[in-house]
Amino acid sequence: CKLPVIASDVQGINNMLHNNVTGILVPPQQPELLANAIDLLLNDNNLALQLATNAYQKSAERFSSNTIFESYKRIFSK
């Protein structure tokens, strides 16, 4: 959707999102740090746009139908 992402730095999320590259990771149960991250993106449009663009490009590369098809093909041809 080309939106910037802020997520908890927990297993399963932190291996898909790269902090300050494709989104912002904050420690779980740290509402002040979450609020700071939200404030940062609300006040830095360039950063928000860059994170969103990076995340979109990364997910388009990793999860395109062709990429997924090739992954399944490798799995099932073993």
C-alpha atoms as a PDB file:
ATOM      1  CA  CYS A   1       0.000   0.000   0.000  1.00  0.00           C
ATOM      2  CA  LYS A   2       3.098   2.224   0.096  1.00  0.00           C
ATOM      3  CA  LEU A   3       2.473   3.266   3.693  1.00  0.00           C
ATOM      4  CA  PRO A   4       5.206   3.594   6.330  1.00  0.00           C
ATOM      5  CA  VAL A   5       5.178   0.821   8.928  1.00  0.00           C
ATOM      6  CA  ILE A   6       5.843   0.930  12.655  1.00  0.00           C
ATOM      7  CA  ALA A   7       5.860  -2.488  14.300  1.00  0.00           C
ATOM      8  CA  SER A   8       6.926  -4.285  17.468  1.00  0.00           C
ATOM      9  CA  ASP A   9      10.430  -5.698  17.426  1.00  0.00           C
ATOM     10  CA  VAL A  10       9.364  -9.304  17.910  1.00  0.00           C
ATOM     11  CA  GLN A  11      10.293 -12.536  16.184  1.00  0.00           C
ATOM     12  CA  GLY A  12       8.402 -13.011  12.937  1.00  0.00           C
ATOM     13  CA  ILE A  13       8.107  -9.269  12.380  1.00  0.00           C
ATOM     14  CA  ASN A  14      11.736  -8.270  12.780  1.00  0.00           C
ATOM     15  CA  ASN A  15      12.837 -10.733  10.103  1.00  0.00           C
ATOM     16  CA  MET A  16      10.517  -9.094   7.557  1.00  0.00           C
ATOM     17  CA  LEU A  17      11.017  -5.457   8.492  1.00  0.00           C
ATOM     18  CA  HIS A  18      14.446  -3.841   8.569  1.00  0.00           C
ATOM     19  CA  ASN A  19      14.639  -1.057  11.139  1.00  0.00           C
ATOM     20  CA  ASN A  20      14.993   2.408   9.607  1.00  0.00           C
ATOM     21  CA  VAL A  21      15.110   0.892   6.113  1.00  0.00           C
ATOM     22  CA  THR A  22      11.694  -0.637   5.448  1.00  0.00           C
ATOM     23  CA  GLY A  23       9.989   0.557   8.626  1.00  0.00           C
ATOM     24  CA  ILE A  24      10.530   1.331  12.260  1.00  0.00           C
ATOM     25  CA  LEU A  25      10.780  -1.360  14.918  1.00  0.00           C
ATOM     26  CA  VAL A  26      10.015  -0.503  18.524  1.00  0.00           C
ATOM     27  CA  PRO A  27      10.458  -2.737  21.567  1.00  0.00           C
ATOM     28  CA  PRO A  28       7.245  -4.404  22.720  1.00  0.00           C
ATOM     29  CA  GLN A  29       5.347  -2.825  25.593  1.00  0.00           C
ATOM     30  CA  GLN A  30       7.116   0.511  25.200  1.00  0.00           C
ATOM     31  CA  PRO A  31       4.277   2.960  24.496  1.00  0.00           C
ATOM     32  CA  GLU A  32       6.517   6.025  24.765  1.00  0.00           C
ATOM     33  CA  LEU A  33       8.859   4.689  22.074  1.00  0.00           C
ATOM     34  CA  LEU A  34       5.878   3.816  19.893  1.00  0.00           C
ATOM     35  CA  ALA A  35       4.532   7.341  20.332  1.00  0.00           C
ATOM     36  CA  ASN A  36       7.966   8.754  19.444  1.00  0.00           C
ATOM     37  CA  ALA A  37       8.072   6.679  16.255  1.00  0.00           C
ATOM     38  CA  ILE A  38       4.587   7.836  15.263  1.00  0.00           C
ATOM     39  CA  ASP A  39       5.537  11.438  15.973  1.00  0.00           C
ATOM     40  CA  LEU A  40       8.730  11.047  13.933  1.00  0.00           C
ATOM     41  CA  LEU A  41       6.866   9.837  10.844  1.00  0.00           C
ATOM     42  CA  LEU A  42       4.127  12.430  11.209  1.00  0.00           C
ATOM     43  CA  ASN A  43       6.752  15.172  11.250  1.00  0.00           C
ATOM     44  CA  ASP A  44       9.205  13.800   8.678  1.00  0.00           C
ATOM     45  CA  ASN A  45       7.381  13.241   5.410  1.00  0.00           C
ATOM     46  CA  ASN A  46      10.599  12.424   3.572  1.00  0.00           C
ATOM     47  CA  LEU A  47      11.456   9.632   6.001  1.00  0.00           C
ATOM     48  CA  ALA A  48       7.903   8.277   5.889  1.00  0.00           C
ATOM     49  CA  LEU A  49       7.972   8.249   2.080  1.00  0.00           C
ATOM     50  CA  GLN A  50      11.408   6.617   1.958  1.00  0.00           C
ATOM     51  CA  LEU A  51      10.449   3.845   4.396  1.00  0.00           C
ATOM     52  CA  ALA A  52       7.203   3.209   2.521  1.00  0.00           C
ATOM     53  CA  THR A  53       8.962   3.112  -0.857  1.00  0.00           C
ATOM     54  CA  ASN A  54      11.686   0.776   0.410  1.00  0.00           C
ATOM     55  CA  ALA A  55       9.122  -1.567   1.957  1.00  0.00           C
ATOM     56  CA  TYR A  56       7.044  -1.626  -1.221  1.00  0.00           C
ATOM     57  CA  GLN A  57      10.061  -2.424  -3.395  1.00  0.00           C
ATOM     58  CA  LYS A  58      11.264  -5.137  -1.023  1.00  0.00           C
ATOM     59  CA  SER A  59       7.883  -6.804  -0.842  1.00  0.00           C
ATOM     60  CA  ALA A  60       7.384  -6.566  -4.618  1.00  0.00           C
ATOM     61  CA  GLU A  61      10.718  -8.369  -5.055  1.00  0.00           C
ATOM     62  CA  ARG A  62      10.120 -11.042  -2.411  1.00  0.00           C
ATOM     63  CA  PHE A  63       6.427 -11.683  -2.872  1.00  0.00           C
ATOM     64  CA  SER A  64       5.645 -11.137  -6.549  1.00  0.00           C
ATOM     65  CA  SER A  65       3.601 -13.925  -8.113  1.00  0.00           C
ATOM     66  CA  ASN A  66       6.603 -14.924 -10.223  1.00  0.00           C
ATOM     67  CA  THR A  67       8.914 -15.118  -7.201  1.00  0.00           C
ATOM     68  CA  ILE A  68       6.395 -17.165  -5.230  1.00  0.00           C
ATOM     69  CA  PHE A  69       5.803 -19.468  -8.202  1.00  0.00           C
ATOM     70  CA  GLU A  70       9.548 -20.080  -8.588  1.00  0.00           C
ATOM     71  CA  SER A  71       9.850 -20.831  -4.856  1.00  0.00           C
ATOM     72  CA  TYR A  72       7.048 -23.399  -5.040  1.00  0.00           C
ATOM     73  CA  LYS A  73       8.559 -24.881  -8.179  1.00  0.00           C
ATOM     74  CA  ARG A  74      11.889 -25.420  -6.390  1.00  0.00           C
ATOM     75  CA  ILE A  75      10.156 -26.981  -3.385  1.00  0.00           C
ATOM     76  CA  PHE A  76       8.018 -29.393  -5.366  1.00  0.00           C
ATOM     77  CA  SER A  77      10.692 -30.405  -7.870  1.00  0.00           C
ATOM     78  CA  LYS A  78      12.885 -31.932  -5.143  1.00  0.00           C
END
